[in-house]
Amino acid sequence: MHKTALRLDDKLLAEAREALGTKTATETIHAALSEVVARRGRERLFERLRNQDGIDLGDDAVMAQAWR
């Protein structure tokens, strides 16, 4: 675990605490960082779905099995 000193905007921190349902600054920062990482994963998944990367929707044999 890394320990550091930060200067935080009190209003922004309070808004983030409310949005994330956290109590401490440390909890809030960890939750915010986790949300950023999760969002990046969702964005990557959305791009894969949008581009149909790795999805066999164009494969007639696969789609014939999809409705069974």
C-alpha atoms as a PDB file:
ATOM      1  CA  MET A   1       0.000   0.000   0.000  1.00  0.00           C
ATOM      2  CA  HIS A   2       1.270   3.438  -0.910  1.00  0.00           C
ATOM      3  CA  LYS A   3       0.974   6.329   1.530  1.00  0.00           C
ATOM      4  CA  THR A   4       1.007   9.895   0.221  1.00  0.00           C
ATOM      5  CA  ALA A   5      -0.131  13.386   1.110  1.00  0.00           C
ATOM      6  CA  LEU A   6      -2.725  14.962  -1.172  1.00  0.00           C
ATOM      7  CA  ARG A   7      -4.418  18.323  -1.447  1.00  0.00           C
ATOM      8  CA  LEU A   8      -8.073  17.638  -2.196  1.00  0.00           C
ATOM      9  CA  ASP A   9     -10.928  19.941  -3.105  1.00  0.00           C
ATOM     10  CA  ASP A  10     -13.222  19.620  -0.065  1.00  0.00           C
ATOM     11  CA  LYS A  11     -16.400  20.234  -2.063  1.00  0.00           C
ATOM     12  CA  LEU A  12     -15.459  17.700  -4.725  1.00  0.00           C
ATOM     13  CA  LEU A  13     -14.513  15.149  -2.079  1.00  0.00           C
ATOM     14  CA  ALA A  14     -17.859  15.659  -0.315  1.00  0.00           C
ATOM     15  CA  GLU A  15     -19.747  15.224  -3.592  1.00  0.00           C
ATOM     16  CA  ALA A  16     -17.777  12.064  -4.397  1.00  0.00           C
ATOM     17  CA  ARG A  17     -18.457  10.677  -0.898  1.00  0.00           C
ATOM     18  CA  GLU A  18     -22.161  11.214  -1.375  1.00  0.00           C
ATOM     19  CA  ALA A  19     -22.159   9.692  -4.871  1.00  0.00           C
ATOM     20  CA  LEU A  20     -20.101   6.673  -3.811  1.00  0.00           C
ATOM     21  CA  GLY A  21     -21.625   6.190  -0.362  1.00  0.00           C
ATOM     22  CA  THR A  22     -18.246   6.294   1.364  1.00  0.00           C
ATOM     23  CA  LYS A  23     -17.278   7.804   4.711  1.00  0.00           C
ATOM     24  CA  THR A  24     -13.579   8.593   4.661  1.00  0.00           C
ATOM     25  CA  ALA A  25     -11.322  10.299   2.154  1.00  0.00           C
ATOM     26  CA  THR A  26      -9.336   7.079   1.728  1.00  0.00           C
ATOM     27  CA  GLU A  27     -12.489   5.026   1.096  1.00  0.00           C
ATOM     28  CA  THR A  28     -13.688   7.646  -1.371  1.00  0.00           C
ATOM     29  CA  ILE A  29     -10.435   7.710  -3.308  1.00  0.00           C
ATOM     30  CA  HIS A  30     -10.255   3.901  -3.451  1.00  0.00           C
ATOM     31  CA  ALA A  31     -13.886   3.677  -4.600  1.00  0.00           C
ATOM     32  CA  ALA A  32     -13.318   6.352  -7.234  1.00  0.00           C
ATOM     33  CA  LEU A  33     -10.201   4.615  -8.544  1.00  0.00           C
ATOM     34  CA  SER A  34     -12.045   1.285  -8.652  1.00  0.00           C
ATOM     35  CA  GLU A  35     -14.884   2.907 -10.585  1.00  0.00           C
ATOM     36  CA  VAL A  36     -12.453   4.369 -13.127  1.00  0.00           C
ATOM     37  CA  VAL A  37     -10.860   0.954 -13.692  1.00  0.00           C
ATOM     38  CA  ALA A  38     -14.290  -0.741 -13.960  1.00  0.00           C
ATOM     39  CA  ARG A  39     -15.451   1.931 -16.403  1.00  0.00           C
ATOM     40  CA  ARG A  40     -12.441   1.269 -18.604  1.00  0.00           C
ATOM     41  CA  GLY A  41     -13.330  -2.429 -18.621  1.00  0.00           C
ATOM     42  CA  ARG A  42     -16.937  -1.632 -19.582  1.00  0.00           C
ATOM     43  CA  GLU A  43     -15.712   0.645 -22.376  1.00  0.00           C
ATOM     44  CA  ARG A  44     -13.471  -2.126 -23.725  1.00  0.00           C
ATOM     45  CA  LEU A  45     -16.318  -4.633 -23.577  1.00  0.00           C
ATOM     46  CA  PHE A  46     -18.653  -2.198 -25.330  1.00  0.00           C
ATOM     47  CA  GLU A  47     -16.075  -1.706 -28.096  1.00  0.00           C
ATOM     48  CA  ARG A  48     -15.758  -5.498 -28.522  1.00  0.00           C
ATOM     49  CA  LEU A  49     -19.531  -5.790 -28.772  1.00  0.00           C
ATOM     50  CA  ARG A  50     -19.799  -2.815 -31.126  1.00  0.00           C
ATOM     51  CA  ASN A  51     -17.115  -4.261 -33.409  1.00  0.00           C
ATOM     52  CA  GLN A  52     -18.382  -7.824 -32.873  1.00  0.00           C
ATOM     53  CA  ASP A  53     -14.812  -8.757 -31.959  1.00  0.00           C
ATOM     54  CA  GLY A  54     -14.795 -12.434 -31.019  1.00  0.00           C
ATOM     55  CA  ILE A  55     -18.535 -12.741 -31.504  1.00  0.00           C
ATOM     56  CA  ASP A  56     -19.728 -15.310 -34.035  1.00  0.00           C
ATOM     57  CA  LEU A  57     -23.033 -13.640 -34.948  1.00  0.00           C
ATOM     58  CA  GLY A  58     -22.132 -13.918 -38.621  1.00  0.00           C
ATOM     59  CA  ASP A  59     -21.484 -17.655 -38.388  1.00  0.00           C
ATOM     60  CA  ASP A  60     -24.630 -19.519 -39.525  1.00  0.00           C
ATOM     61  CA  ALA A  61     -23.662 -22.695 -37.645  1.00  0.00           C
ATOM     62  CA  VAL A  62     -23.265 -20.800 -34.374  1.00  0.00           C
ATOM     63  CA  MET A  63     -26.492 -18.856 -34.845  1.00  0.00           C
ATOM     64  CA  ALA A  64     -28.425 -22.031 -35.666  1.00  0.00           C
ATOM     65  CA  GLN A  65     -27.489 -23.280 -32.181  1.00  0.00           C
ATOM     66  CA  ALA A  66     -28.338 -19.960 -30.510  1.00  0.00           C
ATOM     67  CA  TRP A  67     -32.101 -20.499 -30.654  1.00  0.00           C
ATOM     68  CA  ARG A  68     -32.189 -24.052 -29.293  1.00  0.00           C
END
